[in-house]
């Protein structure tokens, strides 16, 4: 090596490590996708067949896996049930937040517009595309452990929190005659029951359901 080479050594040719979190490998991304496929398939089967009547073999077959493969992603069928319900609640909260933000822009936050947005969003969660997650929660939550039910209670409180001030505002303005607490329980109970009888093929739209609920529970002033 010559003197100039000693003074100016060649740059290190080894590749530099990228900054930040390393990118997921193809295998890791595929694992994430397969986990999501399991959750979606389980939601569909739990709703159609019930939690007890659905085996992990059924769920694995629905996504083209071997019968024991779901346990690579979930410790038990019970853990998969909680993942279904948790995803449904997070999705419902996100949808509800977006609906209220959209109404705030269009209706300037009027309580009647807000309750319409809440009811329509709730119907979307229960009856819209990919609507298996929350109905599973409504009818299969008893299969959860006490710890899982406690975590679910917090999610439900987060979801119902925006309803309380809106119903209070409607009560204060005379649009709601009953107590706020009882109204919230009765309204959500009635909306939730729609999963038992609603049939889109018979012609009713989610907008028509929303209009009917508004007319049923709230007074025009």
C-alpha atoms as a PDB file:
ATOM      1  CA  UNK A   1       0.000   0.000   0.000  1.00  0.00           C
ATOM      2  CA  UNK A   2       1.416   3.415  -0.945  1.00  0.00           C
ATOM      3  CA  UNK A   3       1.684   6.443   1.308  1.00  0.00           C
ATOM      4  CA  UNK A   4      -1.381   8.096  -0.187  1.00  0.00           C
ATOM      5  CA  UNK A   5      -3.296   4.892   0.500  1.00  0.00           C
ATOM      6  CA  UNK A   6      -2.295   5.075   4.172  1.00  0.00           C
ATOM      7  CA  UNK A   7      -3.434   8.666   4.421  1.00  0.00           C
ATOM      8  CA  UNK A   8      -6.677   8.006   2.571  1.00  0.00           C
ATOM      9  CA  UNK A   9      -7.776   4.454   3.310  1.00  0.00           C
ATOM     10  CA  UNK A  10     -10.469   2.952   1.117  1.00  0.00           C
ATOM     11  CA  UNK A  11     -14.004   3.343   2.518  1.00  0.00           C
ATOM     12  CA  UNK A  12     -15.526   0.386   4.321  1.00  0.00           C
ATOM     13  CA  UNK A  13     -17.315  -1.678   1.716  1.00  0.00           C
ATOM     14  CA  UNK A  14     -19.505  -3.493   4.278  1.00  0.00           C
ATOM     15  CA  UNK A  15     -23.217  -2.619   3.997  1.00  0.00           C
ATOM     16  CA  UNK A  16     -24.586  -0.116   6.498  1.00  0.00           C
ATOM     17  CA  UNK A  17     -27.347  -1.167   8.841  1.00  0.00           C
ATOM     18  CA  UNK A  18     -30.626   0.610   8.131  1.00  0.00           C
ATOM     19  CA  UNK A  19     -31.847   2.951  10.811  1.00  0.00           C
ATOM     20  CA  UNK A  20     -35.009   2.317  12.762  1.00  0.00           C
ATOM     21  CA  UNK A  21     -36.947  -0.926  13.142  1.00  0.00           C
ATOM     22  CA  UNK A  22     -35.742  -3.683  10.788  1.00  0.00           C
ATOM     23  CA  UNK A  23     -38.111  -4.600   8.013  1.00  0.00           C
ATOM     24  CA  UNK A  24     -40.177  -7.724   8.452  1.00  0.00           C
ATOM     25  CA  UNK A  25     -39.097 -10.724   6.463  1.00  0.00           C
ATOM     26  CA  UNK A  26     -41.442 -12.403   4.013  1.00  0.00           C
ATOM     27  CA  UNK A  27     -41.993 -15.180   6.547  1.00  0.00           C
ATOM     28  CA  UNK A  28     -42.887 -12.674   9.289  1.00  0.00           C
ATOM     29  CA  UNK A  29     -45.298 -10.827   6.999  1.00  0.00           C
ATOM     30  CA  UNK A  30     -46.892 -14.113   5.981  1.00  0.00           C
ATOM     31  CA  UNK A  31     -47.307 -15.078   9.646  1.00  0.00           C
ATOM     32  CA  UNK A  32     -49.131 -11.795  10.253  1.00  0.00           C
ATOM     33  CA  UNK A  33     -51.407 -12.377   7.290  1.00  0.00           C
ATOM     34  CA  UNK A  34     -52.181 -15.938   8.359  1.00  0.00           C
ATOM     35  CA  UNK A  35     -52.994 -14.735  11.860  1.00  0.00           C
ATOM     36  CA  UNK A  36     -55.445 -12.226  10.402  1.00  0.00           C
ATOM     37  CA  UNK A  37     -56.973 -14.909   8.179  1.00  0.00           C
ATOM     38  CA  UNK A  38     -57.488 -17.098  11.239  1.00  0.00           C
ATOM     39  CA  UNK A  39     -59.238 -14.278  13.107  1.00  0.00           C
ATOM     40  CA  UNK A  40     -61.528 -13.529  10.173  1.00  0.00           C
ATOM     41  CA  UNK A  41     -62.382 -17.190   9.581  1.00  0.00           C
ATOM     42  CA  UNK A  42     -62.964 -17.782  13.298  1.00  0.00           C
ATOM     43  CA  UNK A  43     -65.316 -14.787  13.499  1.00  0.00           C
ATOM     44  CA  UNK A  44     -67.371 -16.145  10.619  1.00  0.00           C
ATOM     45  CA  UNK A  45     -67.534 -19.671  12.035  1.00  0.00           C
ATOM     46  CA  UNK A  46     -68.180 -18.602  15.628  1.00  0.00           C
ATOM     47  CA  UNK A  47     -71.124 -16.552  14.418  1.00  0.00           C
ATOM     48  CA  UNK A  48     -72.593 -19.224  12.142  1.00  0.00           C
ATOM     49  CA  UNK A  49     -71.965 -22.316  14.256  1.00  0.00           C
ATOM     50  CA  UNK A  50     -71.365 -20.960  17.760  1.00  0.00           C
ATOM     51  CA  UNK A  51     -68.136 -21.024  19.748  1.00  0.00           C
ATOM     52  CA  UNK A  52     -68.661 -24.430  21.351  1.00  0.00           C
ATOM     53  CA  UNK A  53     -69.652 -26.119  18.087  1.00  0.00           C
ATOM     54  CA  UNK A  54     -66.635 -24.762  16.187  1.00  0.00           C
ATOM     55  CA  UNK A  55     -63.378 -26.715  16.467  1.00  0.00           C
ATOM     56  CA  UNK A  56     -59.875 -25.494  15.770  1.00  0.00           C
ATOM     57  CA  UNK A  57     -59.869 -28.097  13.005  1.00  0.00           C
ATOM     58  CA  UNK A  58     -62.820 -26.251  11.390  1.00  0.00           C
ATOM     59  CA  UNK A  59     -60.969 -22.932  11.621  1.00  0.00           C
ATOM     60  CA  UNK A  60     -57.743 -24.382  10.261  1.00  0.00           C
ATOM     61  CA  UNK A  61     -59.569 -25.980   7.344  1.00  0.00           C
ATOM     62  CA  UNK A  62     -61.255 -22.670   6.512  1.00  0.00           C
ATOM     63  CA  UNK A  63     -57.858 -21.062   5.891  1.00  0.00           C
ATOM     64  CA  UNK A  64     -56.104 -24.090   4.403  1.00  0.00           C
ATOM     65  CA  UNK A  65     -53.960 -24.940   7.433  1.00  0.00           C
ATOM     66  CA  UNK A  66     -53.170 -28.206   9.192  1.00  0.00           C
ATOM     67  CA  UNK A  67     -55.374 -28.831  12.204  1.00  0.00           C
ATOM     68  CA  UNK A  68     -52.672 -27.928  14.748  1.00  0.00           C
ATOM     69  CA  UNK A  69     -51.364 -24.828  12.975  1.00  0.00           C
ATOM     70  CA  UNK A  70     -53.686 -22.287  14.679  1.00  0.00           C
ATOM     71  CA  UNK A  71     -51.870 -22.994  17.960  1.00  0.00           C
ATOM     72  CA  UNK A  72     -48.738 -21.476  16.457  1.00  0.00           C
ATOM     73  CA  UNK A  73     -50.573 -18.129  16.502  1.00  0.00           C
ATOM     74  CA  UNK A  74     -52.945 -18.576  19.483  1.00  0.00           C
ATOM     75  CA  UNK A  75     -52.514 -20.537  22.700  1.00  0.00           C
ATOM     76  CA  UNK A  76     -56.088 -21.810  22.652  1.00  0.00           C
ATOM     77  CA  UNK A  77     -59.446 -21.487  20.950  1.00  0.00           C
ATOM     78  CA  UNK A  78     -60.432 -19.224  23.830  1.00  0.00           C
ATOM     79  CA  UNK A  79     -57.516 -16.890  23.018  1.00  0.00           C
ATOM     80  CA  UNK A  80     -58.678 -16.821  19.406  1.00  0.00           C
ATOM     81  CA  UNK A  81     -62.196 -15.898  20.531  1.00  0.00           C
ATOM     82  CA  UNK A  82     -60.812 -12.956  22.503  1.00  0.00           C
ATOM     83  CA  UNK A  83     -58.741 -11.850  19.498  1.00  0.00           C
ATOM     84  CA  UNK A  84     -61.926 -11.874  17.387  1.00  0.00           C
ATOM     85  CA  UNK A  85     -63.830  -9.765  19.907  1.00  0.00           C
ATOM     86  CA  UNK A  86     -60.927  -7.393  20.542  1.00  0.00           C
ATOM     87  CA  UNK A  87     -60.475  -6.727  16.836  1.00  0.00           C
ATOM     88  CA  UNK A  88     -64.199  -6.140  16.430  1.00  0.00           C
ATOM     89  CA  UNK A  89     -64.284  -3.607  19.251  1.00  0.00           C
ATOM     90  CA  UNK A  90     -61.229  -1.709  18.042  1.00  0.00           C
ATOM     91  CA  UNK A  91     -62.722  -1.571  14.547  1.00  0.00           C
ATOM     92  CA  UNK A  92     -66.054  -0.370  15.935  1.00  0.00           C
ATOM     93  CA  UNK A  93     -64.372   2.388  17.976  1.00  0.00           C
ATOM     94  CA  UNK A  94     -62.405   3.548  14.934  1.00  0.00           C
ATOM     95  CA  UNK A  95     -65.518   3.593  12.740  1.00  0.00           C
ATOM     96  CA  UNK A  96     -67.532   5.462  15.382  1.00  0.00           C
ATOM     97  CA  UNK A  97     -64.825   8.092  15.861  1.00  0.00           C
ATOM     98  CA  UNK A  98     -64.652   8.700  12.105  1.00  0.00           C
ATOM     99  CA  UNK A  99     -68.461   9.001  11.909  1.00  0.00           C
ATOM    100  CA  UNK A 100     -68.537  11.636  14.644  1.00  0.00           C
ATOM    101  CA  UNK A 101     -65.718  13.590  13.026  1.00  0.00           C
ATOM    102  CA  UNK A 102     -67.543  13.560   9.713  1.00  0.00           C
ATOM    103  CA  UNK A 103     -70.751  14.742  11.364  1.00  0.00           C
ATOM    104  CA  UNK A 104     -68.896  17.524  13.187  1.00  0.00           C
ATOM    105  CA  UNK A 105     -67.786  18.869   9.828  1.00  0.00           C
ATOM    106  CA  UNK A 106     -71.231  18.585   8.240  1.00  0.00           C
ATOM    107  CA  UNK A 107     -73.610  19.318  11.130  1.00  0.00           C
ATOM    108  CA  UNK A 108     -71.514  21.577  13.381  1.00  0.00           C
ATOM    109  CA  UNK A 109     -71.854  19.077  16.223  1.00  0.00           C
ATOM    110  CA  UNK A 110     -75.661  19.248  16.613  1.00  0.00           C
ATOM    111  CA  UNK A 111     -76.759  16.456  19.010  1.00  0.00           C
ATOM    112  CA  UNK A 112     -79.387  15.091  16.592  1.00  0.00           C
ATOM    113  CA  UNK A 113     -76.740  14.815  13.909  1.00  0.00           C
ATOM    114  CA  UNK A 114     -74.393  13.182  16.387  1.00  0.00           C
ATOM    115  CA  UNK A 115     -76.898  10.569  17.519  1.00  0.00           C
ATOM    116  CA  UNK A 116     -77.729   9.824  13.892  1.00  0.00           C
ATOM    117  CA  UNK A 117     -74.024   9.282  13.213  1.00  0.00           C
ATOM    118  CA  UNK A 118     -73.690   7.028  16.263  1.00  0.00           C
ATOM    119  CA  UNK A 119     -76.710   4.907  15.358  1.00  0.00           C
ATOM    120  CA  UNK A 120     -75.730   4.574  11.715  1.00  0.00           C
ATOM    121  CA  UNK A 121     -72.176   3.624  12.688  1.00  0.00           C
ATOM    122  CA  UNK A 122     -73.517   1.045  15.132  1.00  0.00           C
ATOM    123  CA  UNK A 123     -75.678  -0.521  12.426  1.00  0.00           C
ATOM    124  CA  UNK A 124     -72.639  -0.615  10.133  1.00  0.00           C
ATOM    125  CA  UNK A 125     -70.711  -2.453  12.838  1.00  0.00           C
ATOM    126  CA  UNK A 126     -73.506  -4.962  13.403  1.00  0.00           C
ATOM    127  CA  UNK A 127     -74.855  -5.465   9.894  1.00  0.00           C
ATOM    128  CA  UNK A 128     -72.370  -4.069   7.380  1.00  0.00           C
ATOM    129  CA  UNK A 129     -69.700  -5.941   5.386  1.00  0.00           C
ATOM    130  CA  UNK A 130     -67.424  -8.111   7.512  1.00  0.00           C
ATOM    131  CA  UNK A 131     -69.936  -7.859  10.335  1.00  0.00           C
ATOM    132  CA  UNK A 132     -69.185 -11.060  12.253  1.00  0.00           C
ATOM    133  CA  UNK A 133     -66.901  -9.687  14.974  1.00  0.00           C
ATOM    134  CA  UNK A 134     -69.209  -7.729  17.301  1.00  0.00           C
ATOM    135  CA  UNK A 135     -72.169 -10.135  16.980  1.00  0.00           C
ATOM    136  CA  UNK A 136     -69.768 -12.841  18.206  1.00  0.00           C
ATOM    137  CA  UNK A 137     -69.053 -10.648  21.220  1.00  0.00           C
ATOM    138  CA  UNK A 138     -72.758 -10.214  21.938  1.00  0.00           C
ATOM    139  CA  UNK A 139     -73.488 -13.933  22.069  1.00  0.00           C
ATOM    140  CA  UNK A 140     -70.211 -15.662  22.926  1.00  0.00           C
ATOM    141  CA  UNK A 141     -68.587 -13.389  25.530  1.00  0.00           C
ATOM    142  CA  UNK A 142     -69.530 -15.786  28.342  1.00  0.00           C
ATOM    143  CA  UNK A 143     -66.875 -18.189  27.034  1.00  0.00           C
ATOM    144  CA  UNK A 144     -64.148 -15.672  27.899  1.00  0.00           C
ATOM    145  CA  UNK A 145     -62.069 -15.870  31.058  1.00  0.00           C
ATOM    146  CA  UNK A 146     -62.648 -13.393  33.887  1.00  0.00           C
ATOM    147  CA  UNK A 147     -59.484 -11.523  32.947  1.00  0.00           C
ATOM    148  CA  UNK A 148     -60.574 -11.314  29.302  1.00  0.00           C
ATOM    149  CA  UNK A 149     -64.039 -10.084  30.292  1.00  0.00           C
ATOM    150  CA  UNK A 150     -62.448  -7.362  32.415  1.00  0.00           C
ATOM    151  CA  UNK A 151     -60.398  -6.157  29.438  1.00  0.00           C
ATOM    152  CA  UNK A 152     -63.500  -6.327  27.254  1.00  0.00           C
ATOM    153  CA  UNK A 153     -65.443  -4.212  29.755  1.00  0.00           C
ATOM    154  CA  UNK A 154     -62.926  -1.407  29.278  1.00  0.00           C
ATOM    155  CA  UNK A 155     -63.285  -1.605  25.495  1.00  0.00           C
ATOM    156  CA  UNK A 156     -67.071  -1.469  25.772  1.00  0.00           C
ATOM    157  CA  UNK A 157     -66.843   1.556  28.054  1.00  0.00           C
ATOM    158  CA  UNK A 158     -64.551   3.270  25.546  1.00  0.00           C
ATOM    159  CA  UNK A 159     -67.070   2.533  22.802  1.00  0.00           C
ATOM    160  CA  UNK A 160     -70.107   3.734  24.742  1.00  0.00           C
ATOM    161  CA  UNK A 161     -68.420   6.839  26.189  1.00  0.00           C
ATOM    162  CA  UNK A 162     -69.357   9.169  23.271  1.00  0.00           C
ATOM    163  CA  UNK A 163     -73.040   8.203  23.601  1.00  0.00           C
ATOM    164  CA  UNK A 164     -73.404   9.637  27.089  1.00  0.00           C
ATOM    165  CA  UNK A 165     -72.820  13.372  26.398  1.00  0.00           C
ATOM    166  CA  UNK A 166     -74.842  13.188  23.171  1.00  0.00           C
ATOM    167  CA  UNK A 167     -77.820  11.622  24.946  1.00  0.00           C
ATOM    168  CA  UNK A 168     -77.454  14.141  27.777  1.00  0.00           C
ATOM    169  CA  UNK A 169     -77.572  16.994  25.264  1.00  0.00           C
ATOM    170  CA  UNK A 170     -80.668  15.496  23.658  1.00  0.00           C
ATOM    171  CA  UNK A 171     -82.280  15.144  27.082  1.00  0.00           C
ATOM    172  CA  UNK A 172     -81.470  18.747  27.966  1.00  0.00           C
ATOM    173  CA  UNK A 173     -82.947  19.986  24.687  1.00  0.00           C
ATOM    174  CA  UNK A 174     -86.162  17.987  25.109  1.00  0.00           C
ATOM    175  CA  UNK A 175     -85.520  15.503  22.274  1.00  0.00           C
ATOM    176  CA  UNK A 176     -85.090  12.645  24.781  1.00  0.00           C
ATOM    177  CA  UNK A 177     -87.732  12.151  27.468  1.00  0.00           C
ATOM    178  CA  UNK A 178     -86.378   9.165  29.427  1.00  0.00           C
ATOM    179  CA  UNK A 179     -83.324   9.109  31.676  1.00  0.00           C
ATOM    180  CA  UNK A 180     -79.978   9.131  29.898  1.00  0.00           C
ATOM    181  CA  UNK A 181     -78.687   5.922  31.493  1.00  0.00           C
ATOM    182  CA  UNK A 182     -81.806   3.870  30.763  1.00  0.00           C
ATOM    183  CA  UNK A 183     -82.078   5.323  27.273  1.00  0.00           C
ATOM    184  CA  UNK A 184     -78.517   4.292  26.453  1.00  0.00           C
ATOM    185  CA  UNK A 185     -79.120   0.727  27.645  1.00  0.00           C
ATOM    186  CA  UNK A 186     -82.472   0.418  25.884  1.00  0.00           C
ATOM    187  CA  UNK A 187     -81.294   1.947  22.603  1.00  0.00           C
ATOM    188  CA  UNK A 188     -78.143  -0.152  22.352  1.00  0.00           C
ATOM    189  CA  UNK A 189     -80.082  -3.251  23.384  1.00  0.00           C
ATOM    190  CA  UNK A 190     -82.668  -2.672  20.658  1.00  0.00           C
ATOM    191  CA  UNK A 191     -80.035  -1.963  18.004  1.00  0.00           C
ATOM    192  CA  UNK A 192     -78.037  -5.050  18.987  1.00  0.00           C
ATOM    193  CA  UNK A 193     -81.094  -7.265  18.598  1.00  0.00           C
ATOM    194  CA  UNK A 194     -81.236  -6.363  14.913  1.00  0.00           C
ATOM    195  CA  UNK A 195     -78.571  -9.000  14.228  1.00  0.00           C
ATOM    196  CA  UNK A 196     -81.262 -11.589  14.941  1.00  0.00           C
ATOM    197  CA  UNK A 197     -83.838 -10.400  12.430  1.00  0.00           C
ATOM    198  CA  UNK A 198     -82.247  -8.086   9.868  1.00  0.00           C
ATOM    199  CA  UNK A 199     -82.209  -9.409   6.311  1.00  0.00           C
ATOM    200  CA  UNK A 200     -80.841  -7.043   3.683  1.00  0.00           C
ATOM    201  CA  UNK A 201     -82.464  -9.140   0.950  1.00  0.00           C
ATOM    202  CA  UNK A 202     -85.887  -8.051   2.190  1.00  0.00           C
ATOM    203  CA  UNK A 203     -85.222  -4.483   1.148  1.00  0.00           C
ATOM    204  CA  UNK A 204     -84.484  -2.491   4.289  1.00  0.00           C
ATOM    205  CA  UNK A 205     -81.310  -0.387   4.118  1.00  0.00           C
ATOM    206  CA  UNK A 206     -79.099   0.692   6.991  1.00  0.00           C
ATOM    207  CA  UNK A 207     -80.206   4.272   6.358  1.00  0.00           C
ATOM    208  CA  UNK A 208     -83.861   3.233   6.727  1.00  0.00           C
ATOM    209  CA  UNK A 209     -83.040   1.437   9.961  1.00  0.00           C
ATOM    210  CA  UNK A 210     -81.295   4.560  11.225  1.00  0.00           C
ATOM    211  CA  UNK A 211     -84.266   6.772  10.342  1.00  0.00           C
ATOM    212  CA  UNK A 212     -86.657   4.374  12.071  1.00  0.00           C
ATOM    213  CA  UNK A 213     -84.529   4.309  15.244  1.00  0.00           C
ATOM    214  CA  UNK A 214     -84.381   8.113  15.355  1.00  0.00           C
ATOM    215  CA  UNK A 215     -88.154   8.365  14.958  1.00  0.00           C
ATOM    216  CA  UNK A 216     -88.723   5.708  17.605  1.00  0.00           C
ATOM    217  CA  UNK A 217     -86.483   7.023  20.379  1.00  0.00           C
ATOM    218  CA  UNK A 218     -86.322  10.797  19.912  1.00  0.00           C
ATOM    219  CA  UNK A 219     -88.932  13.530  19.931  1.00  0.00           C
ATOM    220  CA  UNK A 220     -89.059  16.300  17.333  1.00  0.00           C
ATOM    221  CA  UNK A 221     -88.992  19.718  18.978  1.00  0.00           C
END
